[in-house]
Amino acid sequence: MKDLKEIDAIIFDLGGVILNLDYNLTVIEFEKHLPNLDRNVFFGKKEQLPFFSAYEIGKINTDEFIKSFNGHYNKSFSYDDFKKYWNAMILDIPKERIQLIRSLKEQGKKVYLLSNINHLHEIAVEERFKEIGETNEFLLLFDKGYYSHHIGLRKPSTDIFDLVIQEQNLNPERTIFIDDSIHHVEGAKSVGINAIHLINGQPLETQTYLYA
């Protein structure tokens, strides 16, 4: 890994990197009502149900997503119940990670957020951010945040990495991307970005390459 002094920009994934989350908690909530739920496609990082992907890139809104979900599983979840079960996976944002991001900015680094995320999960993230005493919007922590449902692209497509590089005029060789999905890491590497795979729940704040 390059020395941090050779890096101008860090692109962070959100879930599993800055935000603690547990997909299994959402699966468990839905399994109470859907005993035949297929875990392999419910929250697959490589492939998932078509309307899941459509929601994640903003092609359908939340009401349409819940309607599609109910139709697919032959259920009638209300908005409030669905939101509760769907957002069960969203845990906390450790203050140490927020401090690390601010420290990198103080050192003159550009920091960006690049996340495959849907509207309901974005709401939950903002709620968790407020719970640790923050008053601004979470995205304002970064020089720019890229959410899949805002821009119509999702990782690991190279298009989403190219968008960030071109829009922010980044040199891939002087940029680090950090994600907990190997598929996303491989996508970043394919366009020349230095990419780090956080595995086995490695805490972001303990990664030595982020300290000068």
N, C-alpha and C. Protein backbone atom coordinates (compact mmCIF):
# COMPACT_ATOMS: atom_id res chain seq x y z
N MET A 1 0.85 -1.20 0.00
CA MET A 1 0.00 0.00 0.00
C MET A 1 0.88 1.24 0.00
N LYS A 2 0.51 2.24 -0.78
CA LYS A 2 1.27 3.48 -0.84
C LYS A 2 1.19 4.23 0.48
N ASP A 3 2.23 5.02 0.74
CA ASP A 3 2.24 5.89 1.90
C ASP A 3 1.13 6.93 1.73
N LEU A 4 0.51 7.32 2.84
CA LEU A 4 -0.59 8.29 2.78
C LEU A 4 -0.15 9.61 2.16
N LYS A 5 1.14 9.92 2.27
CA LYS A 5 1.66 11.16 1.70
C LYS A 5 1.57 11.15 0.18
N GLU A 6 1.46 9.97 -0.41
CA GLU A 6 1.35 9.85 -1.86
C GLU A 6 -0.11 9.79 -2.33
N ILE A 7 -1.03 9.98 -1.38
CA ILE A 7 -2.46 9.88 -1.68
C ILE A 7 -3.12 11.24 -1.53
N ASP A 8 -3.92 11.60 -2.54
CA ASP A 8 -4.65 12.87 -2.50
C ASP A 8 -6.10 12.70 -2.04
N ALA A 9 -6.69 11.54 -2.35
CA ALA A 9 -8.12 11.35 -2.10
C ALA A 9 -8.42 9.96 -1.60
N ILE A 10 -9.38 9.88 -0.70
CA ILE A 10 -9.86 8.60 -0.18
C ILE A 10 -11.35 8.51 -0.45
N ILE A 11 -11.76 7.42 -1.08
CA ILE A 11 -13.18 7.17 -1.36
C ILE A 11 -13.65 6.07 -0.43
N PHE A 12 -14.62 6.36 0.40
CA PHE A 12 -15.12 5.40 1.37
C PHE A 12 -16.44 4.78 0.92
N ASP A 13 -16.55 3.48 1.14
CA ASP A 13 -17.86 2.83 1.13
C ASP A 13 -18.53 3.21 2.45
N LEU A 14 -19.81 2.97 2.55
CA LEU A 14 -20.54 3.32 3.78
C LEU A 14 -20.76 2.11 4.69
N GLY A 15 -21.67 1.21 4.30
CA GLY A 15 -21.99 0.07 5.15
C GLY A 15 -20.84 -0.90 5.29
N GLY A 16 -20.50 -1.23 6.55
CA GLY A 16 -19.40 -2.15 6.80
C GLY A 16 -18.05 -1.47 6.82
N VAL A 17 -18.04 -0.16 6.54
CA VAL A 17 -16.79 0.61 6.56
C VAL A 17 -16.92 1.77 7.55
N ILE A 18 -17.84 2.68 7.29
CA ILE A 18 -18.11 3.78 8.22
C ILE A 18 -19.27 3.41 9.14
N LEU A 19 -20.30 2.87 8.55
CA LEU A 19 -21.51 2.47 9.29
C LEU A 19 -21.45 0.99 9.65
N ASN A 20 -21.72 0.68 10.91
CA ASN A 20 -21.87 -0.73 11.29
C ASN A 20 -23.25 -1.21 10.87
N LEU A 21 -23.28 -2.37 10.29
CA LEU A 21 -24.57 -2.93 9.91
C LEU A 21 -24.53 -4.44 9.97
N ASP A 22 -25.70 -5.04 10.00
CA ASP A 22 -25.83 -6.49 10.06
C ASP A 22 -27.01 -6.90 9.20
N TYR A 23 -26.71 -7.33 7.97
CA TYR A 23 -27.77 -7.74 7.03
C TYR A 23 -28.68 -8.79 7.65
N ASN A 24 -28.10 -9.63 8.48
CA ASN A 24 -28.86 -10.75 9.04
C ASN A 24 -30.04 -10.28 9.87
N LEU A 25 -29.94 -9.11 10.49
CA LEU A 25 -31.04 -8.62 11.32
C LEU A 25 -32.28 -8.33 10.49
N THR A 26 -32.08 -7.79 9.30
CA THR A 26 -33.22 -7.55 8.41
C THR A 26 -33.78 -8.87 7.90
N VAL A 27 -32.90 -9.79 7.55
CA VAL A 27 -33.35 -11.11 7.09
C VAL A 27 -34.19 -11.78 8.17
N ILE A 28 -33.71 -11.72 9.40
CA ILE A 28 -34.43 -12.34 10.52
C ILE A 28 -35.82 -11.74 10.67
N GLU A 29 -35.92 -10.40 10.56
CA GLU A 29 -37.22 -9.75 10.70
C GLU A 29 -38.20 -10.23 9.63
N PHE A 30 -37.72 -10.32 8.39
CA PHE A 30 -38.61 -10.74 7.31
C PHE A 30 -38.91 -12.24 7.37
N GLU A 31 -37.97 -13.02 7.87
CA GLU A 31 -38.20 -14.47 7.98
C GLU A 31 -39.33 -14.79 8.95
N LYS A 32 -39.59 -13.88 9.89
CA LYS A 32 -40.71 -14.09 10.82
C LYS A 32 -42.03 -14.13 10.06
N HIS A 33 -42.06 -13.46 8.92
CA HIS A 33 -43.28 -13.36 8.13
C HIS A 33 -43.17 -14.11 6.80
N LEU A 34 -41.93 -14.44 6.41
CA LEU A 34 -41.67 -15.14 5.15
C LEU A 34 -40.76 -16.34 5.42
N PRO A 35 -41.32 -17.41 5.96
CA PRO A 35 -40.50 -18.57 6.36
C PRO A 35 -39.72 -19.21 5.23
N ASN A 36 -40.13 -19.00 3.99
CA ASN A 36 -39.43 -19.61 2.85
C ASN A 36 -38.49 -18.62 2.15
N LEU A 37 -38.11 -17.58 2.85
CA LEU A 37 -37.25 -16.55 2.27
C LEU A 37 -35.91 -17.13 1.83
N ASP A 38 -35.47 -16.80 0.62
CA ASP A 38 -34.20 -17.27 0.10
C ASP A 38 -33.11 -16.25 0.46
N ARG A 39 -32.30 -16.59 1.44
CA ARG A 39 -31.26 -15.68 1.90
C ARG A 39 -30.21 -15.39 0.83
N ASN A 40 -30.01 -16.32 -0.09
CA ASN A 40 -28.95 -16.18 -1.09
C ASN A 40 -29.17 -15.01 -2.04
N VAL A 41 -30.42 -14.64 -2.28
CA VAL A 41 -30.67 -13.54 -3.21
C VAL A 41 -31.26 -12.33 -2.51
N PHE A 42 -31.61 -12.46 -1.24
CA PHE A 42 -32.28 -11.35 -0.56
C PHE A 42 -31.39 -10.12 -0.45
N PHE A 43 -30.15 -10.32 -0.02
CA PHE A 43 -29.21 -9.21 0.06
C PHE A 43 -27.88 -9.60 -0.57
N GLY A 44 -27.93 -10.16 -1.76
CA GLY A 44 -26.70 -10.55 -2.44
C GLY A 44 -25.93 -9.34 -2.91
N LYS A 45 -24.61 -9.33 -2.67
CA LYS A 45 -23.79 -8.21 -3.10
C LYS A 45 -23.44 -8.29 -4.59
N LYS A 46 -23.52 -9.50 -5.13
CA LYS A 46 -23.18 -9.67 -6.54
C LYS A 46 -24.44 -9.70 -7.40
N GLU A 47 -25.51 -10.31 -6.91
CA GLU A 47 -26.76 -10.35 -7.66
C GLU A 47 -27.92 -10.33 -6.68
N GLN A 48 -29.04 -9.79 -7.11
CA GLN A 48 -30.20 -9.70 -6.24
C GLN A 48 -31.45 -9.61 -7.10
N LEU A 49 -32.60 -9.62 -6.45
CA LEU A 49 -33.86 -9.54 -7.18
C LEU A 49 -33.91 -8.24 -7.99
N PRO A 50 -34.47 -8.28 -9.20
CA PRO A 50 -34.45 -7.11 -10.09
C PRO A 50 -35.01 -5.84 -9.46
N PHE A 51 -36.10 -5.95 -8.70
CA PHE A 51 -36.67 -4.72 -8.14
C PHE A 51 -35.83 -4.19 -6.98
N PHE A 52 -35.01 -5.04 -6.38
CA PHE A 52 -34.05 -4.56 -5.37
C PHE A 52 -33.04 -3.64 -6.06
N SER A 53 -32.50 -4.11 -7.18
CA SER A 53 -31.51 -3.32 -7.93
C SER A 53 -32.14 -2.03 -8.44
N ALA A 54 -33.38 -2.11 -8.92
CA ALA A 54 -34.07 -0.92 -9.44
C ALA A 54 -34.24 0.13 -8.35
N TYR A 55 -34.54 -0.31 -7.14
CA TYR A 55 -34.70 0.61 -6.02
C TYR A 55 -33.36 1.23 -5.65
N GLU A 56 -32.31 0.43 -5.71
CA GLU A 56 -30.99 0.89 -5.30
C GLU A 56 -30.41 1.91 -6.27
N ILE A 57 -30.88 1.93 -7.51
CA ILE A 57 -30.39 2.94 -8.45
C ILE A 57 -31.47 3.98 -8.77
N GLY A 58 -32.52 4.01 -7.96
CA GLY A 58 -33.51 5.07 -8.07
C GLY A 58 -34.48 4.97 -9.23
N LYS A 59 -34.57 3.80 -9.84
CA LYS A 59 -35.52 3.64 -10.95
C LYS A 59 -36.95 3.52 -10.46
N ILE A 60 -37.11 3.09 -9.22
CA ILE A 60 -38.43 3.06 -8.59
C ILE A 60 -38.32 3.73 -7.23
N ASN A 61 -39.42 4.33 -6.77
CA ASN A 61 -39.40 4.98 -5.46
C ASN A 61 -39.77 3.98 -4.36
N THR A 62 -39.82 4.46 -3.14
CA THR A 62 -40.05 3.57 -2.00
C THR A 62 -41.43 2.91 -2.06
N ASP A 63 -42.46 3.67 -2.40
CA ASP A 63 -43.80 3.09 -2.49
C ASP A 63 -43.86 2.00 -3.55
N GLU A 64 -43.22 2.25 -4.67
CA GLU A 64 -43.19 1.25 -5.75
C GLU A 64 -42.40 0.02 -5.33
N PHE A 65 -41.33 0.24 -4.58
CA PHE A 65 -40.52 -0.88 -4.12
C PHE A 65 -41.31 -1.77 -3.16
N ILE A 66 -41.98 -1.14 -2.20
CA ILE A 66 -42.77 -1.92 -1.25
C ILE A 66 -43.88 -2.67 -1.98
N LYS A 67 -44.50 -2.03 -2.95
CA LYS A 67 -45.55 -2.69 -3.74
C LYS A 67 -44.97 -3.90 -4.49
N SER A 68 -43.79 -3.75 -5.08
CA SER A 68 -43.14 -4.86 -5.78
C SER A 68 -42.77 -5.97 -4.82
N PHE A 69 -42.27 -5.59 -3.65
CA PHE A 69 -41.90 -6.56 -2.62
C PHE A 69 -43.13 -7.36 -2.19
N ASN A 70 -44.19 -6.64 -1.88
CA ASN A 70 -45.43 -7.31 -1.45
C ASN A 70 -45.97 -8.23 -2.54
N GLY A 71 -45.89 -7.79 -3.79
CA GLY A 71 -46.37 -8.61 -4.89
C GLY A 71 -45.54 -9.86 -5.08
N HIS A 72 -44.21 -9.70 -4.97
CA HIS A 72 -43.31 -10.84 -5.16
C HIS A 72 -43.51 -11.90 -4.07
N TYR A 73 -43.69 -11.44 -2.83
CA TYR A 73 -43.81 -12.38 -1.71
C TYR A 73 -45.25 -12.63 -1.29
N ASN A 74 -46.20 -12.05 -2.03
CA ASN A 74 -47.62 -12.24 -1.73
C ASN A 74 -47.94 -11.84 -0.29
N LYS A 75 -47.47 -10.65 0.08
CA LYS A 75 -47.71 -10.11 1.42
C LYS A 75 -48.33 -8.73 1.31
N SER A 76 -48.63 -8.13 2.45
CA SER A 76 -49.23 -6.79 2.44
C SER A 76 -48.61 -5.94 3.56
N PHE A 77 -47.28 -5.86 3.58
CA PHE A 77 -46.60 -5.06 4.59
C PHE A 77 -46.98 -3.59 4.44
N SER A 78 -47.28 -2.95 5.56
CA SER A 78 -47.52 -1.51 5.54
C SER A 78 -46.19 -0.78 5.41
N TYR A 79 -46.24 0.51 5.08
CA TYR A 79 -45.01 1.30 4.98
C TYR A 79 -44.22 1.26 6.29
N ASP A 80 -44.90 1.51 7.41
CA ASP A 80 -44.20 1.57 8.70
C ASP A 80 -43.58 0.24 9.08
N ASP A 81 -44.30 -0.85 8.90
CA ASP A 81 -43.74 -2.16 9.23
C ASP A 81 -42.58 -2.50 8.31
N PHE A 82 -42.76 -2.23 7.04
CA PHE A 82 -41.69 -2.53 6.09
C PHE A 82 -40.43 -1.74 6.43
N LYS A 83 -40.60 -0.46 6.70
CA LYS A 83 -39.45 0.38 7.05
C LYS A 83 -38.73 -0.18 8.29
N LYS A 84 -39.49 -0.59 9.27
CA LYS A 84 -38.90 -1.14 10.50
C LYS A 84 -38.07 -2.38 10.20
N TYR A 85 -38.61 -3.31 9.42
CA TYR A 85 -37.90 -4.55 9.11
C TYR A 85 -36.72 -4.27 8.18
N TRP A 86 -36.95 -3.44 7.17
CA TRP A 86 -35.93 -3.15 6.15
C TRP A 86 -34.71 -2.45 6.75
N ASN A 87 -34.95 -1.57 7.73
CA ASN A 87 -33.87 -0.80 8.32
C ASN A 87 -33.28 -1.45 9.57
N ALA A 88 -33.72 -2.65 9.90
CA ALA A 88 -33.20 -3.33 11.10
C ALA A 88 -31.69 -3.54 11.01
N MET A 89 -31.16 -3.65 9.82
CA MET A 89 -29.74 -3.90 9.62
C MET A 89 -28.86 -2.71 9.96
N ILE A 90 -29.45 -1.50 9.95
CA ILE A 90 -28.67 -0.28 10.15
C ILE A 90 -28.36 -0.10 11.63
N LEU A 91 -27.10 -0.21 12.00
CA LEU A 91 -26.71 -0.14 13.40
C LEU A 91 -26.21 1.26 13.76
N ASP A 92 -24.93 1.42 14.05
CA ASP A 92 -24.43 2.70 14.54
C ASP A 92 -23.28 3.20 13.67
N ILE A 93 -22.95 4.47 13.86
CA ILE A 93 -21.79 5.08 13.22
C ILE A 93 -20.82 5.46 14.34
N PRO A 94 -19.74 4.71 14.53
CA PRO A 94 -18.80 5.02 15.61
C PRO A 94 -18.17 6.40 15.44
N LYS A 95 -18.11 7.15 16.53
CA LYS A 95 -17.56 8.50 16.49
C LYS A 95 -16.11 8.51 16.02
N GLU A 96 -15.37 7.43 16.32
CA GLU A 96 -13.97 7.37 15.93
C GLU A 96 -13.80 7.46 14.42
N ARG A 97 -14.75 6.92 13.69
CA ARG A 97 -14.67 6.93 12.22
C ARG A 97 -14.96 8.33 11.68
N ILE A 98 -15.87 9.03 12.34
CA ILE A 98 -16.15 10.41 11.94
C ILE A 98 -14.93 11.28 12.21
N GLN A 99 -14.30 11.06 13.36
CA GLN A 99 -13.10 11.82 13.70
C GLN A 99 -11.98 11.55 12.71
N LEU A 100 -11.85 10.30 12.26
CA LEU A 100 -10.82 9.94 11.29
C LEU A 100 -11.04 10.68 9.98
N ILE A 101 -12.27 10.72 9.51
CA ILE A 101 -12.57 11.40 8.26
C ILE A 101 -12.25 12.89 8.38
N ARG A 102 -12.61 13.48 9.49
CA ARG A 102 -12.32 14.91 9.70
C ARG A 102 -10.82 15.15 9.78
N SER A 103 -10.11 14.23 10.39
CA SER A 103 -8.65 14.34 10.48
C SER A 103 -8.01 14.30 9.09
N LEU A 104 -8.50 13.43 8.24
CA LEU A 104 -7.97 13.34 6.88
C LEU A 104 -8.20 14.65 6.12
N LYS A 105 -9.36 15.25 6.32
CA LYS A 105 -9.67 16.53 5.66
C LYS A 105 -8.74 17.62 6.18
N GLU A 106 -8.45 17.59 7.48
CA GLU A 106 -7.56 18.58 8.08
C GLU A 106 -6.15 18.45 7.53
N GLN A 107 -5.79 17.23 7.10
CA GLN A 107 -4.47 16.99 6.50
C GLN A 107 -4.43 17.38 5.03
N GLY A 108 -5.56 17.87 4.52
CA GLY A 108 -5.60 18.30 3.14
C GLY A 108 -6.04 17.23 2.15
N LYS A 109 -6.52 16.09 2.67
CA LYS A 109 -6.99 15.03 1.79
C LYS A 109 -8.43 15.31 1.37
N LYS A 110 -8.76 14.91 0.16
CA LYS A 110 -10.14 14.94 -0.28
C LYS A 110 -10.80 13.64 0.14
N VAL A 111 -12.00 13.72 0.68
CA VAL A 111 -12.70 12.51 1.11
C VAL A 111 -14.07 12.44 0.45
N TYR A 112 -14.37 11.25 -0.07
CA TYR A 112 -15.61 11.04 -0.79
C TYR A 112 -16.32 9.80 -0.27
N LEU A 113 -17.61 9.76 -0.47
CA LEU A 113 -18.43 8.61 -0.09
C LEU A 113 -19.04 8.02 -1.35
N LEU A 114 -18.94 6.69 -1.48
CA LEU A 114 -19.50 6.00 -2.65
C LEU A 114 -20.22 4.77 -2.15
N SER A 115 -21.56 4.82 -2.20
CA SER A 115 -22.34 3.75 -1.56
C SER A 115 -23.50 3.27 -2.42
N ASN A 116 -23.67 1.96 -2.46
CA ASN A 116 -24.90 1.38 -2.99
C ASN A 116 -25.93 1.46 -1.86
N ILE A 117 -26.88 2.35 -2.02
CA ILE A 117 -27.82 2.59 -0.92
C ILE A 117 -29.17 3.03 -1.49
N ASN A 118 -30.22 2.69 -0.80
CA ASN A 118 -31.57 3.08 -1.21
C ASN A 118 -32.11 4.17 -0.28
N HIS A 119 -33.27 4.70 -0.65
CA HIS A 119 -33.82 5.85 0.08
C HIS A 119 -34.13 5.55 1.54
N LEU A 120 -34.73 4.42 1.82
CA LEU A 120 -35.06 4.10 3.22
C LEU A 120 -33.81 3.96 4.08
N HIS A 121 -32.77 3.37 3.53
CA HIS A 121 -31.53 3.23 4.29
C HIS A 121 -30.84 4.58 4.47
N GLU A 122 -30.97 5.45 3.49
CA GLU A 122 -30.42 6.80 3.64
C GLU A 122 -31.08 7.52 4.81
N ILE A 123 -32.38 7.37 4.94
CA ILE A 123 -33.10 7.97 6.07
C ILE A 123 -32.54 7.46 7.40
N ALA A 124 -32.32 6.13 7.47
CA ALA A 124 -31.81 5.53 8.70
C ALA A 124 -30.40 6.01 9.02
N VAL A 125 -29.57 6.18 8.00
CA VAL A 125 -28.20 6.66 8.22
C VAL A 125 -28.22 8.06 8.82
N GLU A 126 -29.07 8.93 8.30
CA GLU A 126 -29.18 10.28 8.84
C GLU A 126 -29.64 10.25 10.30
N GLU A 127 -30.55 9.33 10.61
CA GLU A 127 -31.02 9.20 11.99
C GLU A 127 -29.88 8.76 12.91
N ARG A 128 -29.08 7.81 12.46
CA ARG A 128 -27.96 7.33 13.29
C ARG A 128 -26.92 8.43 13.48
N PHE A 129 -26.72 9.24 12.46
CA PHE A 129 -25.74 10.33 12.54
C PHE A 129 -26.18 11.34 13.59
N LYS A 130 -27.45 11.62 13.64
CA LYS A 130 -27.97 12.56 14.64
C LYS A 130 -27.86 11.98 16.05
N GLU A 131 -27.95 10.67 16.15
CA GLU A 131 -27.91 10.00 17.46
C GLU A 131 -26.56 10.15 18.15
N ILE A 132 -25.50 10.44 17.40
CA ILE A 132 -24.19 10.62 18.03
C ILE A 132 -23.87 12.11 18.21
N GLY A 133 -24.91 12.94 18.14
CA GLY A 133 -24.76 14.36 18.45
C GLY A 133 -24.42 15.25 17.29
N GLU A 134 -24.46 14.71 16.06
CA GLU A 134 -24.17 15.53 14.89
C GLU A 134 -25.42 16.31 14.48
N THR A 135 -25.20 17.53 14.00
CA THR A 135 -26.34 18.37 13.63
C THR A 135 -26.46 18.59 12.13
N ASN A 136 -25.36 18.44 11.41
CA ASN A 136 -25.40 18.59 9.95
C ASN A 136 -25.84 17.29 9.29
N GLU A 137 -26.11 17.35 7.99
CA GLU A 137 -26.42 16.15 7.24
C GLU A 137 -25.16 15.30 7.11
N PHE A 138 -25.33 14.00 7.12
CA PHE A 138 -24.20 13.09 7.04
C PHE A 138 -23.35 13.34 5.80
N LEU A 139 -23.98 13.56 4.66
CA LEU A 139 -23.23 13.74 3.42
C LEU A 139 -22.32 14.97 3.45
N LEU A 140 -22.63 15.95 4.30
CA LEU A 140 -21.82 17.16 4.37
C LEU A 140 -20.47 16.90 5.05
N LEU A 141 -20.31 15.71 5.61
CA LEU A 141 -19.02 15.31 6.19
C LEU A 141 -17.97 15.15 5.09
N PHE A 142 -18.40 14.90 3.87
CA PHE A 142 -17.50 14.58 2.77
C PHE A 142 -17.41 15.74 1.77
N ASP A 143 -16.35 15.73 0.99
CA ASP A 143 -16.24 16.70 -0.09
C ASP A 143 -17.34 16.47 -1.12
N LYS A 144 -17.73 15.22 -1.29
CA LYS A 144 -18.87 14.87 -2.14
C LYS A 144 -19.29 13.45 -1.80
N GLY A 145 -20.59 13.25 -1.74
CA GLY A 145 -21.13 11.92 -1.51
C GLY A 145 -21.86 11.42 -2.73
N TYR A 146 -21.65 10.17 -3.07
CA TYR A 146 -22.30 9.55 -4.22
C TYR A 146 -23.14 8.37 -3.74
N TYR A 147 -24.46 8.52 -3.80
CA TYR A 147 -25.37 7.45 -3.45
C TYR A 147 -25.94 6.85 -4.73
N SER A 148 -25.97 5.55 -4.81
CA SER A 148 -26.42 4.87 -6.02
C SER A 148 -27.82 5.30 -6.44
N HIS A 149 -28.72 5.48 -5.48
CA HIS A 149 -30.10 5.81 -5.86
C HIS A 149 -30.25 7.27 -6.28
N HIS A 150 -29.20 8.08 -6.06
CA HIS A 150 -29.20 9.46 -6.54
C HIS A 150 -28.65 9.55 -7.96
N ILE A 151 -27.67 8.71 -8.29
CA ILE A 151 -26.96 8.87 -9.56
C ILE A 151 -27.29 7.80 -10.58
N GLY A 152 -28.09 6.80 -10.21
CA GLY A 152 -28.51 5.79 -11.17
C GLY A 152 -27.45 4.78 -11.55
N LEU A 153 -26.42 4.67 -10.74
CA LEU A 153 -25.34 3.70 -10.98
C LEU A 153 -25.03 3.01 -9.67
N ARG A 154 -24.51 1.78 -9.77
CA ARG A 154 -24.15 1.05 -8.55
C ARG A 154 -22.85 0.30 -8.77
N LYS A 155 -22.12 0.11 -7.67
CA LYS A 155 -20.92 -0.72 -7.70
C LYS A 155 -21.33 -2.17 -7.93
N PRO A 156 -20.52 -2.98 -8.57
CA PRO A 156 -19.12 -2.74 -8.98
C PRO A 156 -18.94 -2.23 -10.40
N SER A 157 -19.97 -1.68 -11.03
CA SER A 157 -19.83 -1.17 -12.40
C SER A 157 -18.69 -0.15 -12.48
N THR A 158 -17.87 -0.28 -13.50
CA THR A 158 -16.78 0.68 -13.67
C THR A 158 -17.30 2.08 -13.95
N ASP A 159 -18.52 2.19 -14.46
CA ASP A 159 -19.10 3.50 -14.77
C ASP A 159 -19.16 4.40 -13.54
N ILE A 160 -19.46 3.81 -12.39
CA ILE A 160 -19.61 4.63 -11.19
C ILE A 160 -18.26 5.15 -10.70
N PHE A 161 -17.22 4.33 -10.87
CA PHE A 161 -15.88 4.78 -10.49
C PHE A 161 -15.37 5.83 -11.48
N ASP A 162 -15.64 5.63 -12.75
CA ASP A 162 -15.25 6.61 -13.77
C ASP A 162 -15.93 7.95 -13.51
N LEU A 163 -17.19 7.90 -13.07
CA LEU A 163 -17.92 9.14 -12.79
C LEU A 163 -17.22 9.94 -11.70
N VAL A 164 -16.84 9.28 -10.60
CA VAL A 164 -16.18 9.97 -9.50
C VAL A 164 -14.83 10.53 -9.95
N ILE A 165 -14.07 9.72 -10.66
CA ILE A 165 -12.75 10.16 -11.14
C ILE A 165 -12.87 11.39 -12.01
N GLN A 166 -13.78 11.35 -12.97
CA GLN A 166 -13.91 12.44 -13.92
C GLN A 166 -14.51 13.69 -13.27
N GLU A 167 -15.54 13.49 -12.46
CA GLU A 167 -16.21 14.65 -11.85
C GLU A 167 -15.30 15.37 -10.86
N GLN A 168 -14.47 14.60 -10.15
CA GLN A 168 -13.59 15.19 -9.14
C GLN A 168 -12.16 15.39 -9.64
N ASN A 169 -11.93 15.06 -10.91
CA ASN A 169 -10.61 15.23 -11.52
C ASN A 169 -9.52 14.54 -10.69
N LEU A 170 -9.77 13.27 -10.36
CA LEU A 170 -8.85 12.50 -9.53
C LEU A 170 -7.82 11.75 -10.36
N ASN A 171 -6.64 11.60 -9.79
CA ASN A 171 -5.62 10.71 -10.34
C ASN A 171 -5.79 9.36 -9.65
N PRO A 172 -6.22 8.32 -10.38
CA PRO A 172 -6.47 7.02 -9.73
C PRO A 172 -5.27 6.50 -8.94
N GLU A 173 -4.07 6.79 -9.41
CA GLU A 173 -2.87 6.30 -8.74
C GLU A 173 -2.64 6.99 -7.40
N ARG A 174 -3.28 8.13 -7.19
CA ARG A 174 -3.15 8.87 -5.94
C ARG A 174 -4.47 8.87 -5.17
N THR A 175 -5.27 7.83 -5.43
CA THR A 175 -6.58 7.68 -4.79
C THR A 175 -6.71 6.30 -4.17
N ILE A 176 -7.33 6.23 -2.99
CA ILE A 176 -7.62 4.96 -2.32
C ILE A 176 -9.14 4.79 -2.26
N PHE A 177 -9.59 3.59 -2.53
CA PHE A 177 -11.00 3.23 -2.33
C PHE A 177 -11.05 2.12 -1.29
N ILE A 178 -11.95 2.25 -0.31
CA ILE A 178 -12.06 1.28 0.79
C ILE A 178 -13.47 0.73 0.83
N ASP A 179 -13.61 -0.61 0.78
CA ASP A 179 -14.91 -1.25 0.72
C ASP A 179 -14.82 -2.61 1.40
N ASP A 180 -15.96 -3.11 1.86
CA ASP A 180 -15.97 -4.44 2.49
C ASP A 180 -16.40 -5.52 1.52
N SER A 181 -16.63 -5.18 0.26
CA SER A 181 -17.01 -6.16 -0.76
C SER A 181 -15.87 -6.35 -1.76
N ILE A 182 -15.42 -7.58 -1.94
CA ILE A 182 -14.34 -7.85 -2.88
C ILE A 182 -14.76 -7.51 -4.31
N HIS A 183 -16.04 -7.69 -4.63
CA HIS A 183 -16.52 -7.36 -5.98
C HIS A 183 -16.37 -5.87 -6.27
N HIS A 184 -16.65 -5.04 -5.28
CA HIS A 184 -16.53 -3.61 -5.45
C HIS A 184 -15.06 -3.19 -5.51
N VAL A 185 -14.24 -3.83 -4.70
CA VAL A 185 -12.81 -3.57 -4.72
C VAL A 185 -12.22 -3.89 -6.10
N GLU A 186 -12.64 -5.01 -6.66
CA GLU A 186 -12.15 -5.39 -7.98
C GLU A 186 -12.60 -4.40 -9.05
N GLY A 187 -13.83 -3.86 -8.89
CA GLY A 187 -14.32 -2.85 -9.83
C GLY A 187 -13.45 -1.60 -9.80
N ALA A 188 -13.06 -1.17 -8.59
CA ALA A 188 -12.22 0.02 -8.46
C ALA A 188 -10.83 -0.23 -9.05
N LYS A 189 -10.28 -1.39 -8.76
CA LYS A 189 -8.95 -1.72 -9.27
C LYS A 189 -8.92 -1.76 -10.79
N SER A 190 -10.04 -2.15 -11.38
CA SER A 190 -10.08 -2.27 -12.84
C SER A 190 -9.95 -0.92 -13.56
N VAL A 191 -10.20 0.17 -12.82
CA VAL A 191 -10.01 1.50 -13.42
C VAL A 191 -8.77 2.18 -12.86
N GLY A 192 -7.92 1.43 -12.18
CA GLY A 192 -6.63 1.94 -11.73
C GLY A 192 -6.58 2.53 -10.35
N ILE A 193 -7.68 2.47 -9.61
CA ILE A 193 -7.70 3.01 -8.24
C ILE A 193 -7.07 2.02 -7.27
N ASN A 194 -6.29 2.52 -6.34
CA ASN A 194 -5.79 1.68 -5.24
C ASN A 194 -6.98 1.30 -4.37
N ALA A 195 -7.20 0.02 -4.17
CA ALA A 195 -8.41 -0.40 -3.44
C ALA A 195 -8.05 -1.33 -2.29
N ILE A 196 -8.71 -1.10 -1.18
CA ILE A 196 -8.50 -1.87 0.04
C ILE A 196 -9.77 -2.64 0.38
N HIS A 197 -9.62 -3.92 0.65
CA HIS A 197 -10.75 -4.75 1.03
C HIS A 197 -10.74 -4.96 2.54
N LEU A 198 -11.71 -4.39 3.23
CA LEU A 198 -11.86 -4.64 4.66
C LEU A 198 -12.58 -5.98 4.84
N ILE A 199 -11.94 -6.90 5.52
CA ILE A 199 -12.52 -8.22 5.69
C ILE A 199 -12.69 -8.56 7.17
N ASN A 200 -13.61 -9.49 7.43
CA ASN A 200 -13.84 -9.99 8.79
C ASN A 200 -14.11 -8.89 9.80
N GLY A 201 -14.84 -7.87 9.36
CA GLY A 201 -15.21 -6.80 10.29
C GLY A 201 -14.06 -5.95 10.77
N GLN A 202 -13.01 -5.82 9.97
CA GLN A 202 -11.87 -4.99 10.36
C GLN A 202 -12.33 -3.54 10.58
N PRO A 203 -12.09 -2.97 11.75
CA PRO A 203 -12.54 -1.59 12.00
C PRO A 203 -11.75 -0.58 11.16
N LEU A 204 -12.45 0.33 10.55
CA LEU A 204 -11.80 1.34 9.72
C LEU A 204 -10.75 2.13 10.50
N GLU A 205 -11.08 2.48 11.73
CA GLU A 205 -10.20 3.36 12.50
C GLU A 205 -8.87 2.71 12.90
N THR A 206 -8.73 1.40 12.70
CA THR A 206 -7.48 0.71 13.05
C THR A 206 -6.56 0.53 11.84
N GLN A 207 -6.97 0.99 10.67
CA GLN A 207 -6.18 0.79 9.45
C GLN A 207 -5.04 1.81 9.39
N THR A 208 -3.82 1.31 9.53
CA THR A 208 -2.65 2.20 9.66
C THR A 208 -2.37 3.04 8.42
N TYR A 209 -2.81 2.58 7.24
CA TYR A 209 -2.53 3.34 6.02
C TYR A 209 -3.31 4.65 5.96
N LEU A 210 -4.22 4.87 6.90
CA LEU A 210 -5.01 6.10 6.92
C LEU A 210 -4.41 7.16 7.85
N TYR A 211 -3.24 6.88 8.36
CA TYR A 211 -2.60 7.82 9.28
C TYR A 211 -1.25 8.25 8.74
N ALA A 212 -1.00 9.56 8.78
CA ALA A 212 0.26 10.10 8.26
C ALA A 212 1.40 9.75 9.21
